Amino acid sequence: MIAQAHFTIVDLSDAVAEVIVGTQTAATNAWTGDASFSELRDGQTILYWLPFAGTSSSATLNLTLADGSETGAIPVFINGTTRCTTHVAVGNVTQMTYRVNTPIAGAGSYTGWWITRNQDTTTNYYDRINYKASVTAVGAIAAGRLGVFNSAGKLMLLSTTPFDVTKPILYVGTKYTASALTQTNNYISWGTAFSLASTVSGFSGTAGATVYIKGTLNGSMFTPAAGVLTTTVPTTEDGYTYILLGLMSTTVNAVLAPEHPMFRYYNGGFKAISQIAYEALVAADEAQEAIENLEIGGRNYVLGSGLENSSTEDLVARYALSEPMTAGEEYALSLSITPESSLTAVTVRVSDGGKTLATINLTGTARQTLEATFTASYAADATPDDDPDNADILIYRQPTGAAFTDPTIIHWIKLEKGNRATDYSAAPEDAEEALELKLASVRAQISTEADGIRSEVQANYALASDMSQVRTQVGTLAEQTENNYTWAVTRINQMQQDMETAQEATEEQLAVFRTYMSFDEEGLVIGKTGNPFTFRVVNDRLAFYMNDTEVAYLSNNKLYVTQAEILSKLIIGKFAFEPQTNGNLSLIYNG
């Protein structure tokens, strides 16, 4: 029989003690409650909270099960065959176990609920926790009141006077008198109901509700608001902190909870301070993670991105990239656009228009700067490997197909890796191309000037090989009159002077170029002769030199600097590192 009973109890699926709150609405011996289990079996154990006092009649418990059926009024025993009446005080939780036809020696077999005997054998049928430490009060306090500690560490009656939240809230078991201000009969938890109106005159709350001390917290000192106590929790932020005091058994009486967590209305709900702190920690972690995961590219992959494109067609503009986007990686696109009046959005496409990566909504018809982030992908059989043109970025109207009379203008566009768009900058290739164009222009100008000088010399002055003919003419002229001979000599002298003048003019113009730039096998050197600082364009880099020592260079889309000194502020995207007057360095968001 013992083995069988043990097996039956272990086999219970509902053997874990469930907390059941009594549903009766007045003092009665007919206890009720709602259970989550579907059937009542031998060995079922529950924790039952008694909301109203029992009567002198024998108690019964009728549970409503999960399927809506009732167990019926089952007897409740305090021990053995003794029925429970007023043994359990209101506002207490008692453990109860259900047994079926259980034999009780000398009395026969019984079915019912048996209360676990955790009461003492005198008159204290409740749980309480004695503080035990010696406490000194500021003055007389009657028994059955609630006391709190002031900033000096002395006990005082709970009122609107500020008190220290680092010390316990105590139920006064024995009164303090002028002649006896020190005693140990105080309790952290008082399990039987007592009148809160004795502590806060005129207080009345909601039966069965949690009661709070309402006030403001400043450091460790809590100042109760007018009225001190409340059973009404806020539904919006009201600036108050609420300390959980206990549970109301009637509109006036309550039991004192052993712990007193603090609550506030925050971020859409009435929450414990610990929960608010946890949510703040989670939010901080998420923000930190977001910062760590923030990807800022900066480098523009669009070629010719600063050239305006204007169109009345569905395809507003098409842009080639310095290198194709990598499928699966995140990119940010920003553009400055003046839309046609009927446009609502533009789409970003690749694969010759066959793959839409993002839709960017427009706001009005004025010039505007818009952004979008997306993960790069291509249409099947339309990747850059299939055709390099599939990598091009295409900007389409949304909706398409309508008749447009006014153009849509894209002023500039930027595509960069990462999930955050930065301020506009052209692709490095555009800058290099512009430099090459300028250098080509300089070279062309030099060549043109040199050719012009040579042409002018050839057109206006005699070559050295022609001087023999001049001498022959001079000999012939010697036979002429003296006046004619004098004219010829004068003309030759003038020609020789003009040649010398022309040669000096050519050297003067070329010297200007030699002063500020020179060419050799390594490339172009720009910088005034004698100046220690020069700029050199070589095969693999654009380099800056100081006294023939390389101090910085641009290569492979990166700037390399031997040493850098930022005098006032370093700005990276929308973030800035800025020294403070107190010697600290601050990271500032300039969004």
Protein backbone atom coordinates (compact mmCIF):
# COMPACT_ATOMS: atom_id res chain seq x y z
CA MET A 1 0.00 0.00 0.00
CA ILE A 2 2.81 2.41 0.81
CA ALA A 3 4.59 1.66 -2.45
CA GLN A 4 1.37 2.15 -4.40
CA ALA A 5 0.62 5.48 -2.70
CA HIS A 6 4.16 6.71 -3.39
CA PHE A 7 3.80 5.77 -7.05
CA THR A 8 0.48 7.58 -7.32
CA ILE A 9 1.83 10.85 -5.92
CA VAL A 10 5.02 10.82 -8.00
CA ASP A 11 2.93 10.20 -11.12
CA LEU A 12 0.96 13.43 -10.65
CA SER A 13 1.48 15.83 -13.54
CA ASP A 14 0.14 18.69 -11.40
CA ALA A 15 2.25 17.87 -8.32
CA VAL A 16 3.96 21.30 -8.34
CA ALA A 17 2.26 23.57 -5.81
CA GLU A 18 0.12 26.17 -7.59
CA VAL A 19 -0.75 29.51 -6.02
CA ILE A 20 -4.54 29.93 -5.92
CA VAL A 21 -6.08 33.21 -4.76
CA GLY A 22 -9.41 32.92 -2.97
CA THR A 23 -12.32 34.34 -4.92
CA GLN A 24 -14.80 34.80 -2.06
CA THR A 25 -15.91 38.41 -1.51
CA ALA A 26 -16.70 38.37 2.20
CA ALA A 27 -15.86 36.52 5.42
CA THR A 28 -17.14 32.96 4.99
CA ASN A 29 -16.41 29.33 5.69
CA ALA A 30 -17.12 28.50 2.00
CA TRP A 31 -13.71 29.08 0.41
CA THR A 32 -13.43 29.22 -3.40
CA GLY A 33 -10.76 29.70 -6.09
CA ASP A 34 -9.78 29.09 -9.71
CA ALA A 35 -7.23 26.38 -10.59
CA SER A 36 -5.26 25.91 -13.82
CA PHE A 37 -5.18 22.11 -13.59
CA SER A 38 -7.86 20.03 -15.27
CA GLU A 39 -8.63 17.47 -12.55
CA LEU A 40 -8.19 17.00 -8.82
CA ARG A 41 -6.11 13.96 -7.92
CA ASP A 42 -4.80 12.38 -4.75
CA GLY A 43 -1.69 14.23 -3.58
CA GLN A 44 -2.48 17.55 -5.31
CA THR A 45 -0.81 20.38 -3.39
CA ILE A 46 -1.65 24.08 -3.62
CA LEU A 47 -0.73 27.37 -1.94
CA TYR A 48 -4.00 29.08 -1.02
CA TRP A 49 -4.25 32.82 -0.22
CA LEU A 50 -7.14 33.67 2.07
CA PRO A 51 -8.62 37.08 1.08
CA PHE A 52 -11.26 37.23 3.82
CA ALA A 53 -11.45 35.77 7.29
CA GLY A 54 -13.03 32.37 7.93
CA THR A 55 -16.02 31.93 10.23
CA SER A 56 -16.53 29.69 13.22
CA SER A 57 -18.15 27.08 10.99
CA SER A 58 -16.04 24.31 9.42
CA ALA A 59 -14.32 25.46 6.21
CA THR A 60 -14.70 23.88 2.80
CA LEU A 61 -12.87 24.58 -0.49
CA ASN A 62 -14.59 24.49 -3.90
CA LEU A 63 -12.19 24.91 -6.84
CA THR A 64 -13.20 25.77 -10.39
CA LEU A 65 -10.99 23.67 -12.69
CA ALA A 66 -9.53 24.56 -16.07
CA ASP A 67 -12.47 23.09 -17.98
CA GLY A 68 -14.99 25.13 -15.96
CA SER A 69 -16.17 22.24 -13.79
CA GLU A 70 -16.11 22.47 -9.99
CA THR A 71 -14.67 20.08 -7.41
CA GLY A 72 -17.55 20.76 -5.03
CA ALA A 73 -17.22 21.86 -1.40
CA ILE A 74 -14.43 19.64 -0.02
CA PRO A 75 -13.73 19.73 3.75
CA VAL A 76 -10.61 21.55 4.97
CA PHE A 77 -8.79 20.04 7.96
CA ILE A 78 -6.32 21.83 10.21
CA ASN A 79 -4.87 18.56 11.54
CA GLY A 80 -6.03 15.00 11.78
CA THR A 81 -9.83 15.06 11.82
CA THR A 82 -10.05 18.61 13.19
CA ARG A 83 -11.82 20.93 10.78
CA CYS A 84 -10.36 24.39 10.04
CA THR A 85 -12.47 27.37 11.16
CA THR A 86 -10.71 30.59 12.10
CA HIS A 87 -7.28 29.02 12.45
CA VAL A 88 -5.89 30.88 9.40
CA ALA A 89 -5.94 34.67 9.56
CA VAL A 90 -7.00 36.84 6.63
CA GLY A 91 -4.27 37.74 4.13
CA ASN A 92 -2.20 34.58 4.72
CA VAL A 93 -0.93 31.96 2.29
CA THR A 94 -1.26 28.40 3.52
CA GLN A 95 -0.11 25.17 1.94
CA MET A 96 -2.85 22.55 1.44
CA THR A 97 -2.67 18.92 0.18
CA TYR A 98 -5.64 16.94 -1.18
CA ARG A 99 -6.00 13.28 -0.07
CA VAL A 100 -8.61 10.69 -1.10
CA ASN A 101 -9.90 8.09 1.41
CA THR A 102 -6.79 8.44 3.51
CA PRO A 103 -6.93 6.41 6.73
CA ILE A 104 -6.55 8.25 10.05
CA ALA A 105 -5.76 5.85 12.91
CA GLY A 106 -8.80 5.08 15.04
CA ALA A 107 -11.05 7.41 13.06
CA GLY A 108 -11.61 5.73 9.71
CA SER A 109 -10.88 7.09 6.21
CA TYR A 110 -11.27 10.72 5.12
CA THR A 111 -11.22 12.72 1.87
CA GLY A 112 -10.38 16.41 1.98
CA TRP A 113 -7.77 19.18 2.09
CA TRP A 114 -5.20 19.15 4.91
CA ILE A 115 -3.39 22.34 5.85
CA THR A 116 0.36 22.11 6.44
CA ARG A 117 0.89 23.02 10.08
CA ASN A 118 3.27 25.98 9.95
CA GLN A 119 1.41 27.90 12.69
CA ASP A 120 2.66 27.94 16.26
CA THR A 121 0.72 26.27 19.07
CA THR A 122 -0.41 29.48 20.73
CA THR A 123 -2.54 32.22 19.23
CA ASN A 124 -0.21 33.37 16.38
CA TYR A 125 -1.69 31.77 13.26
CA TYR A 126 0.45 33.84 10.88
CA ASP A 127 4.02 34.30 9.75
CA ARG A 128 6.08 37.27 10.89
CA ILE A 129 9.76 38.31 10.87
CA ASN A 130 11.16 39.99 13.97
CA TYR A 131 13.76 42.67 13.29
CA LYS A 132 15.44 41.85 16.65
CA ALA A 133 17.91 44.74 16.48
CA SER A 134 17.58 47.37 19.19
CA VAL A 135 15.72 50.38 17.77
CA THR A 136 15.48 53.88 19.24
CA ALA A 137 12.54 56.09 18.30
CA VAL A 138 12.46 59.87 18.03
CA GLY A 139 9.38 59.95 20.28
CA ALA A 140 6.29 58.00 21.34
CA ILE A 141 4.81 55.64 18.71
CA ALA A 142 1.71 53.53 19.42
CA ALA A 143 1.71 49.78 18.72
CA GLY A 144 0.29 48.51 15.43
CA ARG A 145 1.74 51.44 13.46
CA LEU A 146 4.36 51.60 10.72
CA GLY A 147 7.70 53.20 11.46
CA VAL A 148 10.51 54.43 9.19
CA PHE A 149 13.98 55.78 9.92
CA ASN A 150 14.97 59.43 9.63
CA SER A 151 18.34 60.67 8.38
CA ALA A 152 19.75 60.36 11.92
CA GLY A 153 18.85 56.65 12.07
CA LYS A 154 15.96 56.96 14.55
CA LEU A 155 12.52 55.42 14.12
CA MET A 156 9.54 57.72 13.47
CA LEU A 157 5.91 57.29 12.44
CA LEU A 158 5.38 57.04 8.64
CA SER A 159 4.10 60.44 7.47
CA THR A 160 5.07 63.13 4.95
CA THR A 161 8.45 63.54 6.69
CA PRO A 162 11.40 62.31 4.54
CA PHE A 163 12.83 58.91 5.52
CA ASP A 164 15.87 56.80 4.62
CA VAL A 165 15.09 54.07 2.06
CA THR A 166 18.29 52.20 2.90
CA LYS A 167 16.74 51.16 6.23
CA PRO A 168 13.71 48.86 6.75
CA ILE A 169 10.05 49.75 7.17
CA LEU A 170 8.96 48.25 10.51
CA TYR A 171 5.69 47.18 12.09
CA VAL A 172 5.72 48.39 15.70
CA GLY A 173 4.81 45.42 17.92
CA THR A 174 5.12 47.21 21.26
CA LYS A 175 4.48 50.91 21.69
CA TYR A 176 7.28 53.41 22.27
CA THR A 177 6.70 55.76 25.18
CA ALA A 178 8.57 58.77 26.45
CA SER A 179 10.10 56.57 29.12
CA ALA A 180 10.83 53.62 26.81
CA LEU A 181 12.12 54.90 23.44
CA THR A 182 14.29 51.83 22.79
CA GLN A 183 13.01 48.26 22.21
CA THR A 184 13.38 45.19 19.92
CA ASN A 185 9.72 44.22 19.36
CA ASN A 186 9.58 45.43 15.73
CA TYR A 187 8.83 43.40 12.62
CA ILE A 188 10.02 43.45 9.01
CA SER A 189 6.99 41.35 7.99
CA TRP A 190 3.62 41.24 9.77
CA GLY A 191 1.40 38.54 8.28
CA THR A 192 -1.92 39.44 9.86
CA ALA A 193 -3.95 42.40 8.74
CA PHE A 194 -3.72 45.68 10.62
CA SER A 195 -5.28 49.08 10.06
CA LEU A 196 -3.28 51.48 7.89
CA ALA A 197 -5.68 54.23 9.00
CA SER A 198 -3.99 54.03 12.40
CA THR A 199 -0.72 55.11 10.75
CA VAL A 200 -2.11 57.50 8.14
CA SER A 201 -5.32 59.01 9.45
CA GLY A 202 -8.27 58.82 7.05
CA PHE A 203 -6.61 56.45 4.57
CA SER A 204 -8.83 54.12 2.56
CA GLY A 205 -7.86 51.99 -0.44
CA THR A 206 -9.09 49.14 -2.64
CA ALA A 207 -9.52 45.72 -1.06
CA GLY A 208 -7.22 43.12 -2.60
CA ALA A 209 -4.99 45.77 -4.22
CA THR A 210 -1.35 46.47 -3.58
CA VAL A 211 -0.75 49.52 -1.41
CA TYR A 212 2.16 51.87 -2.10
CA ILE A 213 3.92 54.77 -0.39
CA LYS A 214 3.84 57.57 -2.99
CA GLY A 215 6.50 60.27 -3.08
CA THR A 216 9.76 61.55 -4.53
CA LEU A 217 13.22 60.07 -4.16
CA ASN A 218 16.31 62.23 -3.70
CA GLY A 219 19.40 60.14 -3.16
CA SER A 220 18.56 57.78 -0.29
CA MET A 221 15.88 60.07 1.17
CA PHE A 222 12.24 59.53 0.20
CA THR A 223 9.68 62.30 0.76
CA PRO A 224 6.07 60.99 0.79
CA ALA A 225 3.50 63.03 -1.12
CA ALA A 226 0.31 64.37 0.44
CA GLY A 227 -1.86 61.44 1.42
CA VAL A 228 1.25 59.23 1.78
CA LEU A 229 -0.47 55.95 0.74
CA THR A 230 -2.30 54.86 -2.42
CA THR A 231 -3.66 51.77 -4.12
CA THR A 232 -3.97 53.57 -7.48
CA VAL A 233 -1.07 53.18 -9.89
CA PRO A 234 -0.38 55.86 -12.52
CA THR A 235 -1.21 55.36 -16.20
CA THR A 236 1.08 58.15 -17.38
CA GLU A 237 4.36 59.59 -16.17
CA ASP A 238 3.63 61.64 -13.03
CA GLY A 239 7.14 62.15 -11.63
CA TYR A 240 6.48 60.08 -8.48
CA THR A 241 8.19 56.96 -7.15
CA TYR A 242 6.06 54.27 -5.51
CA ILE A 243 7.32 51.99 -2.71
CA LEU A 244 5.43 48.70 -2.41
CA LEU A 245 4.20 48.49 1.21
CA GLY A 246 1.89 45.46 1.31
CA LEU A 247 -1.44 43.98 0.25
CA MET A 248 -4.86 45.31 1.21
CA SER A 249 -7.21 42.72 2.79
CA THR A 250 -10.02 45.26 3.18
CA THR A 251 -10.34 48.93 2.27
CA VAL A 252 -8.43 49.84 5.45
CA ASN A 253 -6.50 46.76 6.62
CA ALA A 254 -3.33 45.41 5.03
CA VAL A 255 -0.54 42.90 5.58
CA LEU A 256 3.06 44.16 5.57
CA ALA A 257 5.27 42.74 2.83
CA PRO A 258 8.79 41.67 3.86
CA GLU A 259 10.38 43.53 0.93
CA HIS A 260 9.57 46.94 -0.52
CA PRO A 261 10.67 47.36 -4.17
CA MET A 262 10.24 50.76 -5.80
CA PHE A 263 8.21 51.44 -8.95
CA ARG A 264 7.73 54.25 -11.47
CA TYR A 265 5.70 54.83 -14.61
CA TYR A 266 8.32 54.73 -17.35
CA ASN A 267 8.39 54.14 -21.09
CA GLY A 268 4.73 53.12 -21.37
CA GLY A 269 4.22 51.11 -18.20
CA PHE A 270 4.28 50.96 -14.40
CA LYS A 271 7.55 49.16 -13.73
CA ALA A 272 9.90 48.24 -10.91
CA ILE A 273 13.02 50.38 -10.70
CA SER A 274 15.05 47.21 -11.19
CA GLN A 275 13.19 46.56 -14.45
CA ILE A 276 13.75 50.14 -15.60
CA ALA A 277 17.46 49.80 -14.80
CA TYR A 278 17.60 46.52 -16.70
CA GLU A 279 15.85 48.04 -19.72
CA ALA A 280 18.26 50.97 -19.60
CA LEU A 281 21.18 48.53 -19.48
CA VAL A 282 19.79 46.60 -22.42
CA ALA A 283 19.21 49.84 -24.33
CA ALA A 284 22.78 50.94 -23.57
CA ASP A 285 24.12 47.59 -24.73
CA GLU A 286 22.04 47.82 -27.88
CA ALA A 287 23.26 51.37 -28.49
CA GLN A 288 26.86 50.25 -27.95
CA GLU A 289 26.32 47.33 -30.29
CA ALA A 290 24.76 49.65 -32.85
CA ILE A 291 27.77 51.97 -32.62
CA GLU A 292 30.14 49.01 -32.93
CA ASN A 293 28.16 47.70 -35.90
CA LEU A 294 27.89 51.13 -37.52
CA GLU A 295 29.66 50.97 -40.84
CA ILE A 296 30.74 54.22 -42.45
CA GLY A 297 32.24 53.96 -45.89
CA GLY A 298 33.05 57.50 -46.98
CA ARG A 299 34.58 56.43 -50.30
CA ASN A 300 32.31 57.20 -53.28
CA TYR A 301 32.15 54.42 -55.89
CA VAL A 302 30.13 56.41 -58.44
CA LEU A 303 32.17 57.86 -61.32
CA GLY A 304 31.18 61.31 -62.55
CA SER A 305 28.93 61.64 -59.50
CA GLY A 306 29.05 65.44 -59.46
CA LEU A 307 27.78 65.91 -63.00
CA GLU A 308 24.11 66.93 -63.15
CA ASN A 309 21.74 64.59 -64.99
CA SER A 310 18.39 65.88 -66.23
CA SER A 311 15.73 63.77 -67.93
CA THR A 312 12.02 63.53 -68.64
CA GLU A 313 12.27 59.77 -69.28
CA ASP A 314 11.65 56.90 -66.87
CA LEU A 315 15.40 56.35 -66.60
CA VAL A 316 16.63 59.55 -65.03
CA ALA A 317 20.34 58.71 -64.92
CA ARG A 318 22.83 55.85 -65.26
CA TYR A 319 26.14 55.80 -63.40
CA ALA A 320 29.20 53.62 -63.85
CA LEU A 321 31.07 52.49 -60.72
CA SER A 322 34.78 52.38 -60.06
CA GLU A 323 34.25 48.75 -58.99
CA PRO A 324 31.10 46.58 -58.85
CA MET A 325 29.16 46.26 -55.59
CA THR A 326 29.73 42.96 -53.76
CA ALA A 327 26.54 40.91 -53.47
CA GLY A 328 25.51 40.39 -49.83
CA GLU A 329 27.30 43.50 -48.52
CA GLU A 330 25.49 46.57 -47.18
CA TYR A 331 25.69 49.91 -49.00
CA ALA A 332 24.41 53.43 -48.42
CA LEU A 333 23.28 55.67 -51.28
CA SER A 334 22.60 59.39 -51.05
CA LEU A 335 21.65 61.83 -53.77
CA SER A 336 20.58 65.44 -54.28
CA ILE A 337 17.52 65.64 -56.51
CA THR A 338 14.98 68.12 -57.83
CA PRO A 339 11.99 65.97 -58.82
CA GLU A 340 9.31 66.52 -61.40
CA SER A 341 6.03 67.58 -59.75
CA SER A 342 4.14 64.29 -60.25
CA LEU A 343 6.93 62.06 -58.91
CA THR A 344 6.42 60.27 -55.59
CA ALA A 345 9.63 58.25 -55.44
CA VAL A 346 12.68 57.02 -57.32
CA THR A 347 14.05 53.48 -57.44
CA VAL A 348 17.69 52.37 -57.35
CA ARG A 349 18.39 49.52 -59.76
CA VAL A 350 21.19 47.35 -61.19
CA SER A 351 21.32 44.50 -63.73
CA ASP A 352 20.41 46.93 -66.52
CA GLY A 353 17.25 47.86 -64.60
CA GLY A 354 16.20 44.27 -63.87
CA LYS A 355 16.91 44.36 -60.11
CA THR A 356 15.49 47.00 -57.73
CA LEU A 357 17.67 47.54 -54.63
CA ALA A 358 15.76 50.38 -52.94
CA THR A 359 12.81 52.73 -53.27
CA ILE A 360 13.38 56.29 -52.04
CA ASN A 361 10.28 58.37 -51.28
CA LEU A 362 10.26 62.03 -52.24
CA THR A 363 9.04 64.94 -50.11
CA GLY A 364 7.59 67.67 -52.31
CA THR A 365 9.11 69.12 -55.45
CA ALA A 366 11.92 71.25 -54.03
CA ARG A 367 15.56 70.19 -54.25
CA GLN A 368 16.20 67.62 -51.52
CA THR A 369 18.87 65.23 -50.28
CA LEU A 370 17.69 61.65 -49.79
CA GLU A 371 19.31 58.48 -48.42
CA ALA A 372 18.77 54.73 -48.59
CA THR A 373 20.59 51.64 -47.33
CA PHE A 374 20.36 48.23 -48.96
CA THR A 375 22.12 44.91 -49.39
CA ALA A 376 23.64 44.56 -52.84
CA SER A 377 22.28 41.84 -55.12
CA TYR A 378 21.82 41.21 -58.82
CA ALA A 379 19.22 39.59 -61.03
CA ALA A 380 19.88 36.01 -62.11
CA ASP A 381 22.12 35.83 -65.21
CA ALA A 382 22.56 39.61 -65.03
CA THR A 383 25.59 40.01 -62.76
CA PRO A 384 28.76 42.02 -63.44
CA ASP A 385 30.42 38.69 -64.30
CA ASP A 386 27.90 38.25 -67.12
CA ASP A 387 28.32 41.84 -68.33
CA PRO A 388 30.28 44.64 -66.59
CA ASP A 389 27.46 47.08 -67.41
CA ASN A 390 25.18 45.14 -65.01
CA ALA A 391 27.10 46.80 -62.16
CA ASP A 392 25.91 50.28 -63.19
CA ILE A 393 23.57 52.16 -60.84
CA LEU A 394 20.34 53.25 -62.56
CA ILE A 395 17.90 55.78 -61.09
CA TYR A 396 14.30 55.31 -62.30
CA ARG A 397 11.15 57.38 -61.81
CA GLN A 398 8.36 56.00 -59.62
CA PRO A 399 5.79 55.56 -61.02
CA THR A 400 7.11 54.81 -64.48
CA GLY A 401 5.35 54.99 -67.84
CA ALA A 402 3.59 58.33 -67.32
CA ALA A 403 4.07 61.30 -69.63
CA PHE A 404 6.41 63.87 -68.10
CA THR A 405 6.98 67.36 -69.41
CA ASP A 406 9.27 68.74 -66.70
CA PRO A 407 12.66 67.11 -66.11
CA THR A 408 13.89 65.45 -62.96
CA ILE A 409 17.40 66.60 -62.06
CA ILE A 410 19.97 64.65 -60.07
CA HIS A 411 22.61 67.12 -58.93
CA TRP A 412 25.00 64.62 -57.34
CA ILE A 413 24.99 61.03 -56.11
CA LYS A 414 27.15 59.02 -53.71
CA LEU A 415 27.40 55.26 -53.14
CA GLU A 416 29.49 53.99 -50.24
CA LYS A 417 29.93 50.82 -48.23
CA GLY A 418 28.27 50.61 -44.81
CA ASN A 419 24.91 51.48 -43.34
CA ARG A 420 25.40 55.23 -42.84
CA ALA A 421 25.60 57.87 -45.55
CA THR A 422 28.27 60.54 -45.15
CA ASP A 423 28.66 64.01 -46.67
CA TYR A 424 29.10 64.13 -50.41
CA SER A 425 32.55 63.67 -51.88
CA ALA A 426 33.57 62.67 -55.39
CA ALA A 427 35.15 59.34 -56.21
CA PRO A 428 38.96 59.39 -55.92
CA GLU A 429 39.13 58.37 -59.58
CA ASP A 430 37.31 61.59 -60.50
CA ALA A 431 39.93 63.64 -58.64
CA GLU A 432 42.75 61.71 -60.33
CA GLU A 433 41.11 62.18 -63.72
CA ALA A 434 40.70 65.89 -63.06
CA LEU A 435 44.39 66.12 -62.11
CA GLU A 436 45.42 64.28 -65.25
CA LEU A 437 43.28 66.65 -67.31
CA LYS A 438 44.94 69.64 -65.67
CA LEU A 439 48.42 68.16 -66.22
CA ALA A 440 47.55 67.40 -69.82
CA SER A 441 46.37 70.97 -70.19
CA VAL A 442 49.65 72.26 -68.75
CA ARG A 443 51.66 69.99 -71.01
CA ALA A 444 49.60 71.11 -74.02
CA GLN A 445 50.07 74.75 -73.06
CA ILE A 446 53.82 74.29 -72.71
CA SER A 447 53.96 72.52 -76.05
CA THR A 448 51.80 75.21 -77.67
CA GLU A 449 53.91 78.03 -76.26
CA ALA A 450 57.12 76.34 -77.40
CA ASP A 451 55.74 75.70 -80.87
CA GLY A 452 54.57 79.30 -81.05
CA ILE A 453 57.96 80.61 -80.08
CA ARG A 454 59.68 78.41 -82.65
CA SER A 455 57.19 79.50 -85.32
CA GLU A 456 57.74 83.16 -84.46
CA VAL A 457 61.51 82.76 -84.71
CA GLN A 458 61.27 80.93 -87.97
CA ALA A 459 58.79 83.44 -89.39
CA ASN A 460 60.55 86.63 -88.36
CA TYR A 461 64.27 85.87 -88.01
CA ALA A 462 66.97 84.41 -90.20
CA LEU A 463 68.45 81.04 -89.44
CA ALA A 464 72.20 80.69 -88.95
CA SER A 465 72.44 78.77 -92.25
CA ASP A 466 70.97 81.80 -94.04
CA MET A 467 73.69 84.19 -92.84
CA SER A 468 76.00 83.33 -95.80
CA GLN A 469 73.33 84.66 -98.11
CA VAL A 470 73.18 87.81 -96.02
CA ARG A 471 76.93 88.23 -96.30
CA THR A 472 76.71 87.82 -100.08
CA GLN A 473 74.08 90.49 -100.16
CA VAL A 474 76.31 92.71 -98.08
CA GLY A 475 79.17 92.25 -100.56
CA THR A 476 76.86 93.22 -103.38
CA LEU A 477 75.64 96.20 -101.48
CA ALA A 478 79.29 97.40 -101.04
CA GLU A 479 79.31 98.22 -104.71
CA GLN A 480 76.34 100.49 -104.27
CA THR A 481 76.27 104.00 -102.95
CA GLU A 482 77.47 104.86 -99.49
CA ASN A 483 73.93 105.65 -98.29
CA ASN A 484 72.62 102.30 -99.46
CA TYR A 485 75.54 100.49 -97.80
CA THR A 486 74.91 102.28 -94.52
CA TRP A 487 71.23 101.20 -94.60
CA ALA A 488 72.15 97.52 -95.21
CA VAL A 489 74.59 97.39 -92.29
CA THR A 490 72.03 98.97 -90.02
CA ARG A 491 69.38 96.38 -91.06
CA ILE A 492 71.70 93.42 -90.39
CA ASN A 493 72.53 94.74 -86.95
CA GLN A 494 68.82 95.11 -86.18
CA MET A 495 68.11 91.52 -87.32
CA GLN A 496 70.87 90.15 -85.12
CA GLN A 497 69.52 92.13 -82.15
CA ASP A 498 65.97 90.88 -82.82
CA MET A 499 67.22 87.27 -82.86
CA GLU A 500 68.93 87.73 -79.54
CA THR A 501 65.81 89.35 -78.13
CA ALA A 502 63.62 86.51 -79.37
CA GLN A 503 65.94 83.90 -77.83
CA GLU A 504 65.83 85.70 -74.46
CA ALA A 505 62.04 85.92 -74.57
CA THR A 506 61.75 82.18 -75.16
CA GLU A 507 64.09 81.34 -72.28
CA GLU A 508 62.17 83.71 -69.97
CA GLN A 509 58.87 81.95 -70.67
CA LEU A 510 60.34 78.46 -70.28
CA ALA A 511 62.07 79.46 -67.05
CA VAL A 512 58.68 80.08 -65.46
CA PHE A 513 57.73 76.44 -66.00
CA ARG A 514 61.15 75.20 -64.85
CA THR A 515 60.76 77.24 -61.63
CA TYR A 516 57.49 75.53 -60.55
CA MET A 517 57.58 72.06 -62.19
CA SER A 518 59.92 69.57 -63.73
CA PHE A 519 59.69 66.17 -65.49
CA ASP A 520 62.00 63.16 -65.17
CA GLU A 521 61.78 59.36 -65.51
CA GLU A 522 59.91 59.04 -62.14
CA GLY A 523 57.15 61.51 -63.00
CA LEU A 524 56.09 65.14 -62.42
CA VAL A 525 57.47 67.28 -59.58
CA ILE A 526 55.47 70.39 -58.63
CA GLY A 527 56.97 73.04 -56.34
CA LYS A 528 58.98 76.22 -56.56
CA THR A 529 62.70 75.72 -57.02
CA GLY A 530 64.42 76.00 -53.64
CA ASN A 531 61.22 75.41 -51.67
CA PRO A 532 61.63 72.41 -49.28
CA PHE A 533 57.99 71.33 -49.82
CA THR A 534 57.15 69.61 -53.15
CA PHE A 535 54.34 67.51 -54.59
CA ARG A 536 55.21 64.58 -56.87
CA VAL A 537 53.02 62.54 -59.22
CA VAL A 538 54.60 59.11 -59.72
CA ASN A 539 53.34 55.78 -61.04
CA ASP A 540 51.69 54.39 -57.89
CA ARG A 541 51.01 57.42 -55.69
CA LEU A 542 50.57 61.16 -55.24
CA ALA A 543 53.32 62.06 -52.72
CA PHE A 544 54.17 65.07 -50.54
CA TYR A 545 57.88 65.71 -49.82
CA MET A 546 59.69 67.87 -47.26
CA ASN A 547 63.42 68.35 -47.98
CA ASP A 548 63.29 65.33 -50.36
CA THR A 549 61.76 63.14 -47.61
CA GLU A 550 58.32 61.64 -48.28
CA VAL A 551 55.93 62.71 -45.44
CA ALA A 552 52.53 61.71 -46.91
CA TYR A 553 51.05 60.11 -49.97
CA LEU A 554 47.75 59.01 -51.58
CA SER A 555 47.62 55.46 -52.92
CA ASN A 556 44.98 52.76 -53.39
CA ASN A 557 42.19 55.11 -52.18
CA LYS A 558 43.98 55.74 -48.86
CA LEU A 559 45.94 58.65 -47.37
CA TYR A 560 49.14 57.73 -45.56
CA VAL A 561 50.69 60.32 -43.22
CA THR A 562 53.94 59.88 -41.24
CA GLN A 563 52.82 62.33 -38.56
CA ALA A 564 49.58 64.31 -38.17
CA GLU A 565 48.66 67.12 -35.79
CA ILE A 566 45.02 68.26 -35.49
CA LEU A 567 44.99 71.75 -33.95
CA SER A 568 41.36 72.18 -32.98
CA LYS A 569 38.90 69.47 -34.16
CA LEU A 570 38.92 66.17 -36.06
CA ILE A 571 35.65 65.46 -37.91
CA ILE A 572 34.86 61.96 -39.23
CA GLY A 573 31.48 61.89 -40.96
CA LYS A 574 29.00 63.36 -38.42
CA PHE A 575 31.24 62.67 -35.43
CA ALA A 576 33.90 65.04 -34.11
CA PHE A 577 36.80 64.65 -31.68
CA GLU A 578 37.18 68.01 -29.93
CA PRO A 579 39.54 69.00 -27.05
CA GLN A 580 37.90 70.70 -24.07
CA THR A 581 39.29 73.53 -21.98
CA ASN A 582 39.63 71.18 -18.98
CA GLY A 583 42.05 68.96 -20.91
CA ASN A 584 39.52 66.25 -21.80
CA LEU A 585 38.84 64.98 -25.32
CA SER A 586 35.13 64.71 -26.28
CA LEU A 587 33.45 62.64 -28.99
CA ILE A 588 30.57 64.79 -30.30
CA TYR A 589 27.76 63.81 -32.69
CA ASN A 590 27.27 66.56 -35.29
CA GLY A 591 24.23 64.99 -37.02
